[in-house]
Amino acid sequence: MADETNTAKKPASIERQSALHALARTKPATSAPLTLTEFRPAVIVQMQAWLSTALDFANALSEVTELPMPDNGTFVDNAHGMLVSLGVGRLMLLSDTDGIADQLKKAIGRSGTLTDLSHGFSIVRLAGAPAASLLAHGIALDFDTLPPGGAAQTKMAAFDVLVLRQAEDCFDIAVARSYGEAMVEWLVDAGKAWELTLSAK
C-alpha cells in the first residue's frame, strides 16, 4: 500500500490590518514641503525592568538587540529596531526583526516583564521643514529642547501621544490604535496650509 501523503493545508497567516486603512491616501507632489506617511513596525513591545535585577535586564536586552539602554527621554536604534525610554526601567521596542519578541521574553526571564503591543498603536511619520511648526499647533512643547534622538510623551490636541524626533525635520508620532484615524485627520487639518495629506506608499 502506497504511503499516504499528508495534504492538510497550513493555516494562512493573517496580515495585521492598519487602523488607518479606511483613510484616503494620495501621492504627494515632489515639491511638497511636508509629508505624512504611516510607519508600521512588525513588532511593538513594552518592557519593565525590576529595580533589583536592572543590570541583568540591561544585559539581556543588549544581548538580543545589540543596543545600549537609552537615557530617559531618548531613543537609540540599529538594524534590530528602535529602543525608546519611557521612564525609569520602562522601555518600548519597535522592530521588524522576526521572532525578536520571543527572544527578548526568554532572555529577560524574571528580571522584568514584556508586553506585546504590536496591535495597540498607530504610528505616522511627519517630515519636512515645517514639521515642528505644525506640531506646535497642538503640542505645548519647546521643540528646541527635543533634539534628534529625543522622545516625549505628551498631549497633541486631545490625544496622548509619543513623539520621537528622528531628525531636525522628521518626527514619528504614536497614538493608541483606536485614536489613529482621528489623529491623522487632526494633522491633515492642521497642515492645510502646506496641503498635507496622508501619503500613499
C-alpha atoms as a PDB file:
ATOM      1  CA  MET A   1       0.000   0.000   0.000  1.00  0.00           C
ATOM      2  CA  ALA A   2       1.407   3.372  -1.033  1.00  0.00           C
ATOM      3  CA  ASP A   3       2.289   5.833   1.688  1.00  0.00           C
ATOM      4  CA  GLU A   4      -0.384   8.413   2.208  1.00  0.00           C
ATOM      5  CA  THR A   5       0.766  11.962   1.804  1.00  0.00           C
ATOM      6  CA  ASN A   6      -0.461  14.485   4.327  1.00  0.00           C
ATOM      7  CA  THR A   7      -2.206  17.082   2.213  1.00  0.00           C
ATOM      8  CA  ALA A   8      -3.599  19.133   5.083  1.00  0.00           C
ATOM      9  CA  LYS A   9      -3.087  22.771   4.368  1.00  0.00           C
ATOM     10  CA  LYS A  10      -1.334  25.007   6.847  1.00  0.00           C
ATOM     11  CA  PRO A  11      -3.465  27.896   8.054  1.00  0.00           C
ATOM     12  CA  ALA A  12      -2.781  31.039   6.087  1.00  0.00           C
ATOM     13  CA  SER A  13      -1.080  33.811   8.013  1.00  0.00           C
ATOM     14  CA  ILE A  14      -3.320  36.791   8.644  1.00  0.00           C
ATOM     15  CA  GLU A  15      -1.811  40.181   7.945  1.00  0.00           C
ATOM     16  CA  ARG A  16      -2.447  42.798  10.597  1.00  0.00           C
ATOM     17  CA  GLN A  17      -4.736  45.439   9.169  1.00  0.00           C
ATOM     18  CA  SER A  18      -3.782  49.050   9.601  1.00  0.00           C
ATOM     19  CA  ALA A  19      -6.059  51.137  11.779  1.00  0.00           C
ATOM     20  CA  LEU A  20      -5.730  53.782   9.054  1.00  0.00           C
ATOM     21  CA  HIS A  21      -6.851  51.537   6.189  1.00  0.00           C
ATOM     22  CA  ALA A  22     -10.100  53.479   5.636  1.00  0.00           C
ATOM     23  CA  LEU A  23      -8.406  56.850   5.191  1.00  0.00           C
ATOM     24  CA  ALA A  24      -7.816  58.288   1.738  1.00  0.00           C
ATOM     25  CA  ARG A  25      -4.185  58.432   0.646  1.00  0.00           C
ATOM     26  CA  THR A  26      -2.588  60.470  -2.096  1.00  0.00           C
ATOM     27  CA  LYS A  27       0.821  60.692  -3.699  1.00  0.00           C
ATOM     28  CA  PRO A  28       2.434  63.933  -2.507  1.00  0.00           C
ATOM     29  CA  ALA A  29       3.780  66.420  -5.002  1.00  0.00           C
ATOM     30  CA  THR A  30       7.534  66.269  -5.495  1.00  0.00           C
ATOM     31  CA  SER A  31       7.769  69.803  -4.120  1.00  0.00           C
ATOM     32  CA  ALA A  32       5.526  69.146  -1.078  1.00  0.00           C
ATOM     33  CA  PRO A  33       7.030  70.881   1.984  1.00  0.00           C
ATOM     34  CA  LEU A  34       5.531  68.261   4.330  1.00  0.00           C
ATOM     35  CA  THR A  35       4.796  64.558   4.015  1.00  0.00           C
ATOM     36  CA  LEU A  36       2.775  62.289   6.288  1.00  0.00           C
ATOM     37  CA  THR A  37       3.270  58.542   5.961  1.00  0.00           C
ATOM     38  CA  GLU A  38       2.242  55.551   8.036  1.00  0.00           C
ATOM     39  CA  PHE A  39       5.043  53.783   9.919  1.00  0.00           C
ATOM     40  CA  ARG A  40       4.195  50.139  10.680  1.00  0.00           C
ATOM     41  CA  PRO A  41       6.839  48.193  12.605  1.00  0.00           C
ATOM     42  CA  ALA A  42       6.024  44.474  12.719  1.00  0.00           C
ATOM     43  CA  VAL A  43       6.674  44.268  16.456  1.00  0.00           C
ATOM     44  CA  ILE A  44       5.973  46.721  19.282  1.00  0.00           C
ATOM     45  CA  VAL A  45       6.746  45.548  22.812  1.00  0.00           C
ATOM     46  CA  GLN A  46       6.820  47.379  26.110  1.00  0.00           C
ATOM     47  CA  MET A  47       9.181  46.235  28.844  1.00  0.00           C
ATOM     48  CA  GLN A  48       9.664  46.989  32.513  1.00  0.00           C
ATOM     49  CA  ALA A  49      12.811  46.175  34.461  1.00  0.00           C
ATOM     50  CA  TRP A  50      12.697  45.378  38.176  1.00  0.00           C
ATOM     51  CA  LEU A  51      14.977  47.589  40.259  1.00  0.00           C
ATOM     52  CA  SER A  52      16.646  44.628  41.957  1.00  0.00           C
ATOM     53  CA  THR A  53      17.536  42.975  38.642  1.00  0.00           C
ATOM     54  CA  ALA A  54      18.064  46.038  36.460  1.00  0.00           C
ATOM     55  CA  LEU A  55      21.610  45.050  35.462  1.00  0.00           C
ATOM     56  CA  ASP A  56      20.519  41.558  34.391  1.00  0.00           C
ATOM     57  CA  PHE A  57      17.675  43.131  32.410  1.00  0.00           C
ATOM     58  CA  ALA A  58      20.002  45.574  30.642  1.00  0.00           C
ATOM     59  CA  ASN A  59      22.477  42.809  29.776  1.00  0.00           C
ATOM     60  CA  ALA A  60      19.705  40.580  28.402  1.00  0.00           C
ATOM     61  CA  LEU A  61      18.291  43.441  26.341  1.00  0.00           C
ATOM     62  CA  SER A  62      21.693  44.296  24.911  1.00  0.00           C
ATOM     63  CA  GLU A  63      22.410  40.659  24.082  1.00  0.00           C
ATOM     64  CA  VAL A  64      19.299  40.391  21.895  1.00  0.00           C
ATOM     65  CA  THR A  65      19.122  43.880  20.362  1.00  0.00           C
ATOM     66  CA  GLU A  66      22.792  44.950  20.450  1.00  0.00           C
ATOM     67  CA  LEU A  67      21.533  48.282  21.754  1.00  0.00           C
ATOM     68  CA  PRO A  68      22.573  50.172  24.900  1.00  0.00           C
ATOM     69  CA  MET A  69      19.988  51.298  27.429  1.00  0.00           C
ATOM     70  CA  PRO A  70      18.826  54.743  26.272  1.00  0.00           C
ATOM     71  CA  ASP A  71      18.810  57.672  28.656  1.00  0.00           C
ATOM     72  CA  ASN A  72      15.401  58.770  29.903  1.00  0.00           C
ATOM     73  CA  GLY A  73      13.538  60.746  27.241  1.00  0.00           C
ATOM     74  CA  THR A  74      15.653  59.419  24.365  1.00  0.00           C
ATOM     75  CA  PHE A  75      15.811  56.504  21.946  1.00  0.00           C
ATOM     76  CA  VAL A  76      18.557  54.509  20.236  1.00  0.00           C
ATOM     77  CA  ASP A  77      18.295  52.436  17.088  1.00  0.00           C
ATOM     78  CA  ASN A  78      20.054  49.985  14.803  1.00  0.00           C
ATOM     79  CA  ALA A  79      19.116  47.237  12.332  1.00  0.00           C
ATOM     80  CA  HIS A  80      17.243  45.368  15.094  1.00  0.00           C
ATOM     81  CA  GLY A  81      14.872  48.248  15.786  1.00  0.00           C
ATOM     82  CA  MET A  82      14.288  51.369  17.839  1.00  0.00           C
ATOM     83  CA  LEU A  83      14.507  51.259  21.653  1.00  0.00           C
ATOM     84  CA  VAL A  84      12.696  54.079  23.453  1.00  0.00           C
ATOM     85  CA  SER A  85      12.994  55.043  27.119  1.00  0.00           C
ATOM     86  CA  LEU A  86       9.561  55.799  28.583  1.00  0.00           C
ATOM     87  CA  GLY A  87      10.733  56.294  32.171  1.00  0.00           C
ATOM     88  CA  VAL A  88      12.909  54.612  34.761  1.00  0.00           C
ATOM     89  CA  GLY A  89      13.304  50.986  33.678  1.00  0.00           C
ATOM     90  CA  ARG A  90      10.386  51.232  31.225  1.00  0.00           C
ATOM     91  CA  LEU A  91      11.115  50.816  27.532  1.00  0.00           C
ATOM     92  CA  MET A  92       9.434  50.267  24.188  1.00  0.00           C
ATOM     93  CA  LEU A  93      10.959  48.428  21.252  1.00  0.00           C
ATOM     94  CA  LEU A  94       9.751  48.931  17.678  1.00  0.00           C
ATOM     95  CA  SER A  95      11.212  46.339  15.330  1.00  0.00           C
ATOM     96  CA  ASP A  96      10.832  44.434  12.070  1.00  0.00           C
ATOM     97  CA  THR A  97      13.035  41.552  13.242  1.00  0.00           C
ATOM     98  CA  ASP A  98      11.207  38.213  13.121  1.00  0.00           C
ATOM     99  CA  GLY A  99      10.920  36.461  16.480  1.00  0.00           C
ATOM    100  CA  ILE A 100      12.541  39.250  18.475  1.00  0.00           C
ATOM    101  CA  ALA A 101       9.679  39.438  20.996  1.00  0.00           C
ATOM    102  CA  ASP A 102      10.087  35.760  21.906  1.00  0.00           C
ATOM    103  CA  GLN A 103      13.867  36.158  22.081  1.00  0.00           C
ATOM    104  CA  LEU A 104      13.524  39.100  24.442  1.00  0.00           C
ATOM    105  CA  LYS A 105      10.964  37.386  26.654  1.00  0.00           C
ATOM    106  CA  LYS A 106      13.258  34.374  27.056  1.00  0.00           C
ATOM    107  CA  ALA A 107      16.374  36.479  27.650  1.00  0.00           C
ATOM    108  CA  ILE A 108      14.732  38.846  30.147  1.00  0.00           C
ATOM    109  CA  GLY A 109      13.260  35.998  32.189  1.00  0.00           C
ATOM    110  CA  ARG A 110      12.445  37.129  35.694  1.00  0.00           C
ATOM    111  CA  SER A 111      14.497  40.323  35.500  1.00  0.00           C
ATOM    112  CA  GLY A 112      11.498  42.184  34.094  1.00  0.00           C
ATOM    113  CA  THR A 113       8.261  41.964  32.145  1.00  0.00           C
ATOM    114  CA  LEU A 114       7.384  42.168  28.460  1.00  0.00           C
ATOM    115  CA  THR A 115       4.004  43.023  26.928  1.00  0.00           C
ATOM    116  CA  ASP A 116       3.277  42.667  23.210  1.00  0.00           C
ATOM    117  CA  LEU A 117       1.561  45.849  21.953  1.00  0.00           C
ATOM    118  CA  SER A 118       2.015  45.205  18.229  1.00  0.00           C
ATOM    119  CA  HIS A 119      -1.698  45.702  17.589  1.00  0.00           C
ATOM    120  CA  GLY A 120      -2.045  48.587  20.022  1.00  0.00           C
ATOM    121  CA  PHE A 121      -0.640  51.633  18.215  1.00  0.00           C
ATOM    122  CA  SER A 122      -0.948  53.720  15.082  1.00  0.00           C
ATOM    123  CA  ILE A 123       2.252  55.495  14.100  1.00  0.00           C
ATOM    124  CA  VAL A 124       2.827  58.135  11.442  1.00  0.00           C
ATOM    125  CA  ARG A 125       5.952  59.922  10.258  1.00  0.00           C
ATOM    126  CA  LEU A 126       5.769  63.681   9.630  1.00  0.00           C
ATOM    127  CA  ALA A 127       8.687  65.011   7.600  1.00  0.00           C
ATOM    128  CA  GLY A 128       9.584  68.378   6.159  1.00  0.00           C
ATOM    129  CA  ALA A 129      10.943  71.745   7.236  1.00  0.00           C
ATOM    130  CA  PRO A 130       7.597  72.967   8.731  1.00  0.00           C
ATOM    131  CA  ALA A 131       7.062  69.747  10.783  1.00  0.00           C
ATOM    132  CA  ALA A 132       7.856  71.287  14.175  1.00  0.00           C
ATOM    133  CA  SER A 133       5.736  74.349  13.375  1.00  0.00           C
ATOM    134  CA  LEU A 134       2.743  72.160  12.582  1.00  0.00           C
ATOM    135  CA  LEU A 135       3.143  70.068  15.726  1.00  0.00           C
ATOM    136  CA  ALA A 136       3.413  73.231  17.824  1.00  0.00           C
ATOM    137  CA  HIS A 137      -0.240  73.929  16.937  1.00  0.00           C
ATOM    138  CA  GLY A 138      -1.247  71.014  19.168  1.00  0.00           C
ATOM    139  CA  ILE A 139       1.721  70.296  21.447  1.00  0.00           C
ATOM    140  CA  ALA A 140       2.784  72.590  24.275  1.00  0.00           C
ATOM    141  CA  LEU A 141       6.454  71.705  23.935  1.00  0.00           C
ATOM    142  CA  ASP A 142       9.579  73.727  23.216  1.00  0.00           C
ATOM    143  CA  PHE A 143      10.953  71.698  20.327  1.00  0.00           C
ATOM    144  CA  ASP A 144      14.382  73.244  20.857  1.00  0.00           C
ATOM    145  CA  THR A 145      14.557  71.049  23.971  1.00  0.00           C
ATOM    146  CA  LEU A 146      13.773  67.893  21.957  1.00  0.00           C
ATOM    147  CA  PRO A 147      16.836  67.161  19.813  1.00  0.00           C
ATOM    148  CA  PRO A 148      17.071  64.338  17.257  1.00  0.00           C
ATOM    149  CA  GLY A 149      17.035  61.118  19.253  1.00  0.00           C
ATOM    150  CA  GLY A 150      14.649  62.669  21.779  1.00  0.00           C
ATOM    151  CA  ALA A 151      11.379  61.111  22.924  1.00  0.00           C
ATOM    152  CA  ALA A 152       8.452  62.850  24.608  1.00  0.00           C
ATOM    153  CA  GLN A 153       5.180  61.523  25.998  1.00  0.00           C
ATOM    154  CA  THR A 154       2.789  64.427  25.721  1.00  0.00           C
ATOM    155  CA  LYS A 155      -0.597  65.708  24.586  1.00  0.00           C
ATOM    156  CA  MET A 156      -1.257  66.666  20.993  1.00  0.00           C
ATOM    157  CA  ALA A 157      -4.651  68.364  20.859  1.00  0.00           C
ATOM    158  CA  ALA A 158      -6.898  65.792  22.606  1.00  0.00           C
ATOM    159  CA  PHE A 159      -4.543  62.826  22.070  1.00  0.00           C
ATOM    160  CA  ASP A 160      -1.960  61.204  24.329  1.00  0.00           C
ATOM    161  CA  VAL A 161       0.987  60.682  22.012  1.00  0.00           C
ATOM    162  CA  LEU A 162       4.591  59.534  21.970  1.00  0.00           C
ATOM    163  CA  VAL A 163       6.745  61.823  19.821  1.00  0.00           C
ATOM    164  CA  LEU A 164      10.111  60.597  18.534  1.00  0.00           C
ATOM    165  CA  ARG A 165      12.327  63.134  16.809  1.00  0.00           C
ATOM    166  CA  GLN A 166      14.205  61.291  14.065  1.00  0.00           C
ATOM    167  CA  ALA A 167      15.874  64.408  12.629  1.00  0.00           C
ATOM    168  CA  GLU A 168      15.536  68.178  12.779  1.00  0.00           C
ATOM    169  CA  ASP A 169      12.638  67.986  10.321  1.00  0.00           C
ATOM    170  CA  CYS A 170      11.278  64.470  10.916  1.00  0.00           C
ATOM    171  CA  PHE A 171       9.037  63.157  13.701  1.00  0.00           C
ATOM    172  CA  ASP A 172       7.325  59.844  14.420  1.00  0.00           C
ATOM    173  CA  ILE A 173       4.038  60.211  16.315  1.00  0.00           C
ATOM    174  CA  ALA A 174       2.458  57.192  18.017  1.00  0.00           C
ATOM    175  CA  VAL A 175      -1.057  57.069  19.443  1.00  0.00           C
ATOM    176  CA  ALA A 176      -3.345  54.352  20.762  1.00  0.00           C
ATOM    177  CA  ARG A 177      -4.745  52.463  17.768  1.00  0.00           C
ATOM    178  CA  SER A 178      -8.346  53.487  18.434  1.00  0.00           C
ATOM    179  CA  TYR A 179      -7.372  57.163  18.012  1.00  0.00           C
ATOM    180  CA  GLY A 180      -5.281  56.639  14.862  1.00  0.00           C
ATOM    181  CA  GLU A 181      -7.787  57.937  12.340  1.00  0.00           C
ATOM    182  CA  ALA A 182      -8.736  60.940  14.467  1.00  0.00           C
ATOM    183  CA  MET A 183      -5.088  61.873  14.992  1.00  0.00           C
ATOM    184  CA  VAL A 184      -4.328  61.725  11.262  1.00  0.00           C
ATOM    185  CA  GLU A 185      -7.411  63.807  10.488  1.00  0.00           C
ATOM    186  CA  TRP A 186      -6.242  66.411  13.018  1.00  0.00           C
ATOM    187  CA  LEU A 187      -2.752  66.510  11.479  1.00  0.00           C
ATOM    188  CA  VAL A 188      -4.124  66.844   7.938  1.00  0.00           C
ATOM    189  CA  ASP A 189      -6.453  69.627   9.038  1.00  0.00           C
ATOM    190  CA  ALA A 190      -3.656  71.452  10.883  1.00  0.00           C
ATOM    191  CA  GLY A 191      -1.438  71.016   7.825  1.00  0.00           C
ATOM    192  CA  LYS A 192      -3.828  72.547   5.288  1.00  0.00           C
ATOM    193  CA  ALA A 193      -1.506  75.491   4.775  1.00  0.00           C
ATOM    194  CA  TRP A 194       1.070  73.008   3.462  1.00  0.00           C
ATOM    195  CA  GLU A 195      -1.515  70.906   1.561  1.00  0.00           C
ATOM    196  CA  LEU A 196      -0.693  67.956   3.826  1.00  0.00           C
ATOM    197  CA  THR A 197      -2.300  64.590   3.082  1.00  0.00           C
ATOM    198  CA  LEU A 198      -1.721  61.015   4.230  1.00  0.00           C
ATOM    199  CA  SER A 199       0.693  59.724   1.611  1.00  0.00           C
ATOM    200  CA  ALA A 200       0.293  56.536  -0.371  1.00  0.00           C
ATOM    201  CA  LYS A 201       3.340  54.284  -0.213  1.00  0.00           C
END
